[in-house]
Each structure stands twice: as structure tokens, then as C-alpha cells.
């Protein structure tokens, strides 16, 4: 595949390679993407459920996993998900390209030390590589079109594809269509190549990272992640359709599997996961107050914090400011938050909803004198704000007194999780309220933690 003098890629019917055929391939011989894939743990999905009250504004799913002894994580860490390709798309590709799905791909290594890293894992079947390693949903690049041209058998197809890389205007139109490799194979039927050539052509699946939404001390050998399904426009001819991204499609299919399949099929649902250390950690001092600000699924690390505090029975001063779209549809973790408020682990909650200018308030102090069981719904009071108060950053001025108390007087820590724009707006607002110098001090003292995405 690459340098025949050092190693070669061989496709066989056997899952084994004899010692006479070369040296054993070590983990260090692979490139970073392959090592990351091989170091991931296969974790069993125990359950999956919708977290929104309705799907009016989209879908947010919480997935519970069991993990093996080889896997570990700490509260607040990032969990990397390796989504698999859709089974129908895998089967289409195998049939379209006439690949043998049960053949094995082996690396025959002829030198102990390699000058170039290996980019394909050895010992997997073609079906496994297509399903779990190749990104069939990735957008086709101009370089990919250039590489495809040498595998086009029909002159008309060749000329049409050549036009896209010869004209910026036509390329812009092609790029805006968001075609993936399967779209190109459907549109240009004369494209044909070997599996090894196809593997070199197509991008590889990278792990998608999510902040864990659980505490390893609260539920040992279990973890939770929460994701919002994301779609994008795909255009073909004069029509347009919404498509889910690879990870969203993967979990959408998993959700349908759990809803409609028999128990035995649920037991076979598993995902490759890796863990990565995060800067989001609870302060070591159990008396240090924490302010948690987030939008949407940015609430995940705070759920893990609250579970951790419950696991070790620590009730520190806590304030959660949460933002989303609609109070009737998009209040994720509503029941769990009500429970944490009732139990005293979450002292104050303000959830703001931009579409209806409504805030939901929760305060644990109402339970301090309460005897017996209390309905969790009574944890919340609803407040209607003026139309200028829409977003979580808009709440900060209203909460200036408590922010000063927790951050300045009590030397608390501040956590911000969610979109980049929200995070930047939060910091700017706090600079206006508490001063630029204080926010720099917060950063220098490692009391400001941000986890933001575009």
C-alpha cells in the first residue's frame, strides 16, 4: 500500500498471518488515528432516552453505557465516541464496489523499524473497516475528486468530474451540495477501484468528544453522555434534504433500535469509547462555592459534578445558570435537577428560555424546614422576564450580588460550558460587572474554567 520494502497490505480469507510472512505489527507502528481507534474500549449501551419534553426544536439523547475494566474515566472528563456507519450504507458500498466483506486485511511487516506510520489496522475484515474506520459521511474534497479521476471508466463521467476541479464557480456549487463519497458513487456509476485504493481515498472516522454527564464514584462501571442531534442541508439536482451528521445518525439509529428491537438485539448494541482528561474538575476544597453557566448540552459536566457531590455527600454552595430555547420543550435534565435541589446538592438554579422569555427558578432553601416527601415539580417557580432578558448571559446583571459574594468574597470557582459565542458574551458581561482585572485574576488563580465549542 505504501512502501513495499518495509511492509505491504494483503487481503486474505484467513484471519491469521503466519510468522514466516513478516514481523508482528506493534501499536507504535500505527499512525495516531489508528492507535486511538485500537486503544478505544468497546462499551455496551444499556439504555438511551429522549431528554426533551417534545421534539419541536430537535432531539437530545442521553445514552447510558457499561464499560469494561480496561476503561476508566474521572468526573468531568471528555468521552470520545467512535460512531459506526449506517448498516444500509455499508451494504450499499460493498455491493456497489463489489468488495468481499468477509476478507481480512493484514499488514505484512518486513522491517522491525518503519520510516512511515501505518494507516490501516491489521486483522480486521473489509466489512469492519468500512463500518467502523472509514468516514462515509465526510464531505468530498477537491483533492478527493482529483484522486477519483484515475478510477473513472466512462469518458462522460470523467469530463463532468473534471469540470468541478477546473472551475471555481462549479466547485463552489459542488461543495455547497455537501456530497459525501456515496453520493459521488451514485452519481458517477463508472467509478471503480480496489478496496485498498478506496481506503486510501476516504477520510477516517475521528472520535467525537463529549463531556461526560456522570460521576465514576456515583455509578461505578457506568457512564452517561448527552448529545443533541445535528443535521445539515444536502442538495442534489434541484432538490434539498436535511441529513443527520454521522454521530447524530448513529445515535438516532440506536434510539430506534432500543425502541423497536428485541432484548437480544439491545444487548448487542455497543460503541467504541475513549476517555480524555478535562480541565473541568471540582475544587479540592469541599467548601469552595461553584457557579456553573451553560446552554443546552453544556449542562453535562454539571450533572457529573452534582452526582459526584452526592456520591461523597458534599453540599457546597452552588449556582447553576442554564439557557435553552423553550421552557415547555427544551428543559433537559429537568427531573434530575429537581432531585438535586430537593436533596440540597444544587442550592440555586435559574433556567432561562429565549423563545418565551421565561425563567424557571429553583432554590433548595425551601426544603430546609420541610418534613416528609415533596413533589419534585414543586422545586421550581416560573418567572416571566422582560423581552430583553433572553439568554443566559442576560441573567448575570440580575445576579450581580450573588456573583460578587460567591466569586469575590468567598473565593469561588466559575465554570462556563456551551457555545463559543455564549462563552465570550458571559466573560465580557462579567468583565463589565466585576472588572477586567478581576476576571484576569480569576484566570490566573485557576478559578475560571471554560469548555466551549463552535
Foldseek 3Di string as FASTA:
>chain_A
DPDVQFKDKDKALDLDDDPVQAHDDDLVLADPQVNVQVLFFKWAWPDKDWFWLDQPPATKMKTKTFTDPSADDAQFWKKWFQFWFDPVLLVVVCVLQVPDQNIFMAMHGHDPDDPDHDHDDGRHGLSCCNGGWFDQQAFDDLVLLVLQLVQADDPVLNVVSVVLNVDVVNVVVSRLQRDGPVNSCVVRVRGYDYSVSVVVRTHTGDTDIFTWQAGCLLPPSMTMGMDTWDWDWHDDDHDIDIDTHRVSVRVVVLNVCVVDHDPVVSRVDITTMHIGGFLDDDDPPLQQEEEEEEEASQCRSVSRVLSVCVSVVGAYAYEYQYEEADPNTRPGCLLVVLVSLCVRNHAWYWYAHQNQQKIKIFGSVVNPPDDDDDDSVVRIDMDHDPNVPRGSLSCCVVCLVVCCCNCPVRVHAYEYTEAPVVVVSNLVSCCVSVNPVSSVVCVVVSRYYYDHDD
